[in-house]
């Protein structure tokens, strides 16, 4: 991997982590479409570790929310009233929502790594994201017409678990984590912004866990010291770009549709399939 490639992949990660278009798919497909011959072992670890840049971005953006949640969560435990405060409950809901993806990631680690090496499989999963987003948008419009929408303050245990199951789908490249979790929130009748807020907050523990595992895997890569600079470049750019994307996307969801992202995912999948067949 060259410095230019690390710069491009860092920017791509920042642009696509929080938009519902699958950052993992783009980290697989950009090198594939560009014809880069990257070491698969290092590329997989690089992809995981640059996510720590976007993790830093989401933590900084929601720093006040996260601090209030952590304080209330700890206070609730100390007072033996873990569910008395809304922020304390949110802390438990975030933990609960993380469990399905954590279990799936541990059980399917080898299959996930294999999927990262398959552009065609990634394209198929992009179609899944497109279907999820389209279904969620149509459902949201129906809920709006019936005026049965819910506020995020009404989140409960079932909601957290169901949205967590949607996040578990996103361990495979092509199924967007933000797209799946926002869709899960919308299917629980939350508005787009509320669903996105919970989706971004619940990305913190799963991205942190993935990053820790990525650091462990990085130590097994030969000449790891020579690659650390490339990871740092990707990390910094992913964080800066990711922060700007969160700020823009939260505002976008105030009244805009998810359908453009569904269309984009479908078109990208078709491009990958076409390129693959042309290269045979």
Protein backbone atom coordinates (compact mmCIF):
# COMPACT_ATOMS: atom_id res chain seq x y z
CA UNK A 1 0.00 0.00 0.00
CA UNK A 2 1.29 3.44 -0.94
CA UNK A 3 0.77 6.77 0.80
CA UNK A 4 -1.64 7.91 -1.94
CA UNK A 5 -3.67 4.73 -1.54
CA UNK A 6 -3.80 5.21 2.25
CA UNK A 7 -4.98 8.82 1.75
CA UNK A 8 -7.72 7.76 -0.66
CA UNK A 9 -8.92 4.92 1.56
CA UNK A 10 -8.91 7.16 4.64
CA UNK A 11 -11.09 9.72 2.87
CA UNK A 12 -13.36 6.97 1.53
CA UNK A 13 -13.78 5.57 5.04
CA UNK A 14 -14.68 8.99 6.42
CA UNK A 15 -17.17 9.66 3.63
CA UNK A 16 -18.94 6.32 3.80
CA UNK A 17 -18.93 5.16 7.44
CA UNK A 18 -21.92 7.23 8.49
CA UNK A 19 -23.73 7.50 5.17
CA UNK A 20 -25.88 4.40 4.53
CA UNK A 21 -23.74 3.13 1.66
CA UNK A 22 -21.38 0.70 3.49
CA UNK A 23 -17.86 1.87 4.20
CA UNK A 24 -16.65 -1.74 4.25
CA UNK A 25 -17.97 -2.23 0.71
CA UNK A 26 -16.11 0.87 -0.50
CA UNK A 27 -12.87 -0.22 1.18
CA UNK A 28 -13.19 -3.50 -0.73
CA UNK A 29 -14.42 -2.09 -4.04
CA UNK A 30 -12.23 1.01 -4.46
CA UNK A 31 -9.01 -1.07 -4.64
CA UNK A 32 -10.81 -3.64 -6.83
CA UNK A 33 -12.14 -1.13 -9.35
CA UNK A 34 -8.85 0.81 -9.33
CA UNK A 35 -6.90 -2.38 -9.96
CA UNK A 36 -4.74 -2.08 -6.85
CA UNK A 37 -2.90 -5.24 -5.86
CA UNK A 38 -2.95 -4.91 -2.06
CA UNK A 39 -1.84 -7.49 0.47
CA UNK A 40 -5.17 -8.93 1.64
CA UNK A 41 -4.02 -9.54 5.21
CA UNK A 42 -2.80 -5.99 5.74
CA UNK A 43 -5.69 -4.48 3.78
CA UNK A 44 -8.23 -6.17 6.07
CA UNK A 45 -6.46 -4.95 9.21
CA UNK A 46 -6.03 -1.45 7.71
CA UNK A 47 -9.74 -1.29 6.94
CA UNK A 48 -10.61 -2.21 10.53
CA UNK A 49 -8.15 0.23 12.10
CA UNK A 50 -9.08 3.27 10.01
CA UNK A 51 -12.55 2.80 11.47
CA UNK A 52 -11.00 4.02 14.72
CA UNK A 53 -10.68 7.41 13.00
CA UNK A 54 -14.41 7.52 12.40
CA UNK A 55 -14.94 6.20 15.93
CA UNK A 56 -13.03 9.23 17.20
CA UNK A 57 -15.27 11.43 15.03
CA UNK A 58 -18.54 10.04 16.38
CA UNK A 59 -17.27 10.21 19.97
CA UNK A 60 -16.29 13.86 19.52
CA UNK A 61 -19.55 14.79 17.81
CA UNK A 62 -21.70 13.14 20.50
CA UNK A 63 -19.25 13.85 23.34
CA UNK A 64 -21.83 15.68 25.49
CA UNK A 65 -24.47 12.98 24.99
CA UNK A 66 -22.00 10.19 25.69
CA UNK A 67 -20.69 11.92 28.83
CA UNK A 68 -24.21 12.33 30.20
CA UNK A 69 -25.02 8.70 29.39
CA UNK A 70 -21.84 7.41 31.06
CA UNK A 71 -22.35 9.56 34.18
CA UNK A 72 -25.99 8.51 34.53
CA UNK A 73 -25.14 4.86 33.88
CA UNK A 74 -22.45 4.79 36.59
CA UNK A 75 -24.65 6.75 39.01
CA UNK A 76 -27.53 4.33 38.41
CA UNK A 77 -25.33 1.37 39.30
CA UNK A 78 -24.01 3.07 42.43
CA UNK A 79 -27.51 3.96 43.59
CA UNK A 80 -28.82 0.51 42.65
CA UNK A 81 -31.37 2.17 40.39
CA UNK A 82 -29.91 1.35 36.95
CA UNK A 83 -33.07 2.21 35.00
CA UNK A 84 -34.35 5.22 36.93
CA UNK A 85 -32.80 7.85 34.61
CA UNK A 86 -33.37 8.13 30.85
CA UNK A 87 -29.65 8.51 30.13
CA UNK A 88 -28.85 5.54 32.36
CA UNK A 89 -31.38 3.45 30.46
CA UNK A 90 -29.83 4.60 27.20
CA UNK A 91 -26.48 3.26 28.37
CA UNK A 92 -27.98 -0.17 28.99
CA UNK A 93 -29.82 -0.07 25.66
CA UNK A 94 -26.57 0.69 23.83
CA UNK A 95 -24.90 -2.29 25.50
CA UNK A 96 -27.86 -4.55 24.67
CA UNK A 97 -27.92 -3.37 21.06
CA UNK A 98 -24.22 -4.23 20.69
CA UNK A 99 -24.51 -7.85 21.80
CA UNK A 100 -25.97 -9.38 18.58
CA UNK A 101 -23.25 -7.90 16.34
CA UNK A 102 -20.55 -8.85 18.86
CA UNK A 103 -21.68 -12.47 18.92
CA UNK A 104 -22.05 -12.59 15.13
CA UNK A 105 -18.60 -11.07 14.65
CA UNK A 106 -16.93 -13.65 16.89
CA UNK A 107 -18.78 -16.63 15.41
CA UNK A 108 -18.41 -15.58 11.77
CA UNK A 109 -14.96 -13.92 11.82
CA UNK A 110 -13.43 -16.22 9.19
CA UNK A 111 -16.43 -15.93 6.88
CA UNK A 112 -16.40 -12.15 7.22
CA UNK A 113 -12.71 -12.01 6.30
CA UNK A 114 -13.43 -14.21 3.27
CA UNK A 115 -16.27 -11.90 2.23
CA UNK A 116 -13.85 -8.96 2.27
CA UNK A 117 -11.91 -10.75 -0.48
CA UNK A 118 -15.00 -11.17 -2.70
CA UNK A 119 -16.12 -8.09 -4.68
CA UNK A 120 -19.04 -10.05 -6.16
CA UNK A 121 -20.34 -11.03 -2.74
CA UNK A 122 -19.91 -7.44 -1.61
CA UNK A 123 -22.03 -6.33 -4.58
CA UNK A 124 -24.77 -8.76 -3.57
CA UNK A 125 -24.77 -7.34 -0.04
CA UNK A 126 -25.01 -3.81 -1.48
CA UNK A 127 -28.29 -4.87 -3.04
CA UNK A 128 -29.40 -5.96 0.44
CA UNK A 129 -28.61 -2.46 1.73
CA UNK A 130 -30.58 -0.92 -1.14
CA UNK A 131 -33.58 -3.11 -0.29
CA UNK A 132 -33.35 -2.26 3.41
CA UNK A 133 -33.19 1.49 2.78
CA UNK A 134 -36.04 1.44 0.29
CA UNK A 135 -38.24 -0.63 2.60
CA UNK A 136 -37.43 1.61 5.57
CA UNK A 137 -38.20 4.80 3.63
CA UNK A 138 -41.56 3.47 2.41
CA UNK A 139 -42.41 2.29 5.93
CA UNK A 140 -41.44 5.69 7.36
CA UNK A 141 -43.79 7.48 4.97
CA UNK A 142 -46.59 5.16 5.97
CA UNK A 143 -45.94 5.83 9.67
CA UNK A 144 -45.89 9.59 9.02
CA UNK A 145 -49.25 9.43 7.25
CA UNK A 146 -50.79 7.45 10.11
CA UNK A 147 -49.13 9.76 12.69
CA UNK A 148 -47.90 6.76 14.71
CA UNK A 149 -44.28 7.89 14.95
CA UNK A 150 -42.31 7.58 18.18
CA UNK A 151 -39.69 9.70 19.92
CA UNK A 152 -36.30 8.25 20.81
CA UNK A 153 -37.06 9.00 24.46
CA UNK A 154 -39.56 6.13 24.26
CA UNK A 155 -36.88 3.58 23.34
CA UNK A 156 -37.29 0.29 25.20
CA UNK A 157 -35.52 -3.06 25.56
CA UNK A 158 -37.27 -4.64 22.59
CA UNK A 159 -36.36 -1.68 20.38
CA UNK A 160 -32.68 -1.88 21.37
CA UNK A 161 -32.50 -5.63 20.76
CA UNK A 162 -34.27 -5.44 17.40
CA UNK A 163 -32.03 -2.60 16.17
CA UNK A 164 -29.05 -4.58 17.45
CA UNK A 165 -30.11 -7.52 15.27
CA UNK A 166 -30.11 -5.21 12.26
CA UNK A 167 -26.59 -4.11 13.18
CA UNK A 168 -25.52 -7.75 13.25
CA UNK A 169 -26.31 -7.95 9.53
CA UNK A 170 -23.70 -5.29 8.83
CA UNK A 171 -20.67 -7.36 9.78
CA UNK A 172 -20.47 -8.32 6.10
CA UNK A 173 -19.04 -5.82 3.57
CA UNK A 174 -21.82 -4.29 1.54
CA UNK A 175 -24.44 -4.19 4.28
CA UNK A 176 -24.17 -0.67 5.67
CA UNK A 177 -24.00 -0.48 9.47
CA UNK A 178 -25.61 2.95 9.55
CA UNK A 179 -28.10 1.93 6.86
CA UNK A 180 -29.09 -1.28 8.66
CA UNK A 181 -29.39 0.31 12.10
CA UNK A 182 -31.22 3.41 10.86
CA UNK A 183 -33.59 1.08 8.99
CA UNK A 184 -34.05 -0.95 12.16
CA UNK A 185 -34.93 2.20 14.08
CA UNK A 186 -37.38 3.31 11.41
CA UNK A 187 -39.06 -0.10 11.45
CA UNK A 188 -39.59 0.52 15.19
CA UNK A 189 -41.42 3.72 14.13
CA UNK A 190 -38.75 6.24 15.14
CA UNK A 191 -38.19 9.23 12.84
CA UNK A 192 -35.09 9.31 10.62
CA UNK A 193 -33.11 11.64 12.90
CA UNK A 194 -33.92 9.71 16.07
CA UNK A 195 -33.04 6.43 14.38
CA UNK A 196 -29.77 7.92 13.12
CA UNK A 197 -28.83 9.31 16.53
CA UNK A 198 -29.23 5.91 18.18
CA UNK A 199 -27.49 4.22 15.24
CA UNK A 200 -24.45 6.47 15.58
CA UNK A 201 -24.30 6.13 19.37
CA UNK A 202 -24.51 2.33 19.16
CA UNK A 203 -21.67 2.30 16.63
CA UNK A 204 -19.24 3.36 19.39
CA UNK A 205 -18.91 0.07 21.31
CA UNK A 206 -18.92 -2.19 18.24
CA UNK A 207 -16.35 -0.07 16.39
CA UNK A 208 -14.18 0.05 19.51
CA UNK A 209 -14.31 -3.73 19.85
CA UNK A 210 -13.51 -4.21 16.16
CA UNK A 211 -10.59 -1.80 16.47
CA UNK A 212 -9.13 -3.65 19.46
CA UNK A 213 -9.30 -6.93 17.55
CA UNK A 214 -7.76 -5.17 14.55
CA UNK A 215 -4.79 -4.02 16.64
CA UNK A 216 -4.26 -7.63 17.72
CA UNK A 217 -4.35 -8.80 14.09
CA UNK A 218 -2.00 -6.00 13.04
CA UNK A 219 0.71 -7.39 15.31
CA UNK A 220 0.64 -10.60 13.24
CA UNK A 221 1.31 -8.75 9.97
CA UNK A 222 4.97 -8.87 8.79
CA UNK A 223 6.85 -5.54 8.77
CA UNK A 224 4.10 -3.96 10.87
CA UNK A 225 6.35 -1.04 11.84
CA UNK A 226 6.66 0.06 8.22
CA UNK A 227 2.87 0.06 7.85
CA UNK A 228 2.03 2.05 10.99
CA UNK A 229 2.45 5.38 9.19
CA UNK A 230 -0.05 4.37 6.52
CA UNK A 231 -2.59 3.39 9.17
CA UNK A 232 -2.07 6.74 10.93
CA UNK A 233 -2.70 8.66 7.70
CA UNK A 234 -5.91 6.74 7.09
CA UNK A 235 -6.97 7.21 10.72
CA UNK A 236 -6.56 11.01 10.69
CA UNK A 237 -8.30 11.56 7.37
CA UNK A 238 -11.14 9.18 8.23
CA UNK A 239 -11.73 11.07 11.49
CA UNK A 240 -11.75 14.56 9.97
CA UNK A 241 -13.95 13.64 7.02
CA UNK A 242 -16.21 11.46 9.19
CA UNK A 243 -16.97 14.33 11.57
CA UNK A 244 -18.06 16.59 8.69
CA UNK A 245 -20.22 13.81 7.25
CA UNK A 246 -22.03 13.21 10.57
CA UNK A 247 -22.77 16.92 10.89
CA UNK A 248 -24.15 17.10 7.35
CA UNK A 249 -26.10 13.82 7.43
CA UNK A 250 -27.94 14.57 10.68
CA UNK A 251 -29.19 17.78 9.11
CA UNK A 252 -30.04 16.04 5.84
CA UNK A 253 -32.26 13.52 7.61
CA UNK A 254 -34.42 16.30 9.05
CA UNK A 255 -36.62 16.16 5.97
CA UNK A 256 -34.86 14.25 3.19
CA UNK A 257 -35.31 10.73 1.87
CA UNK A 258 -33.08 7.65 2.14
CA UNK A 259 -33.94 6.62 -1.42
CA UNK A 260 -30.95 8.37 -3.10
CA UNK A 261 -28.61 6.21 -1.03
CA UNK A 262 -30.56 3.07 -1.95
CA UNK A 263 -30.27 3.96 -5.63
CA UNK A 264 -26.53 4.63 -5.24
CA UNK A 265 -25.95 1.23 -3.60
CA UNK A 266 -27.86 -0.56 -6.37
CA UNK A 267 -25.96 1.28 -9.12
CA UNK A 268 -22.59 0.58 -7.47
CA UNK A 269 -23.48 -3.11 -7.19
CA UNK A 270 -24.37 -3.24 -10.89
CA UNK A 271 -21.10 -1.51 -11.81
CA UNK A 272 -19.10 -4.05 -9.82
CA UNK A 273 -20.92 -6.97 -11.41
CA UNK A 274 -20.40 -5.50 -14.88
CA UNK A 275 -16.69 -4.85 -14.29
CA UNK A 276 -16.23 -8.36 -12.93
CA UNK A 277 -17.76 -9.96 -16.02
CA UNK A 278 -15.80 -7.72 -18.37
CA UNK A 279 -12.56 -8.77 -16.69
CA UNK A 280 -13.27 -12.49 -17.13
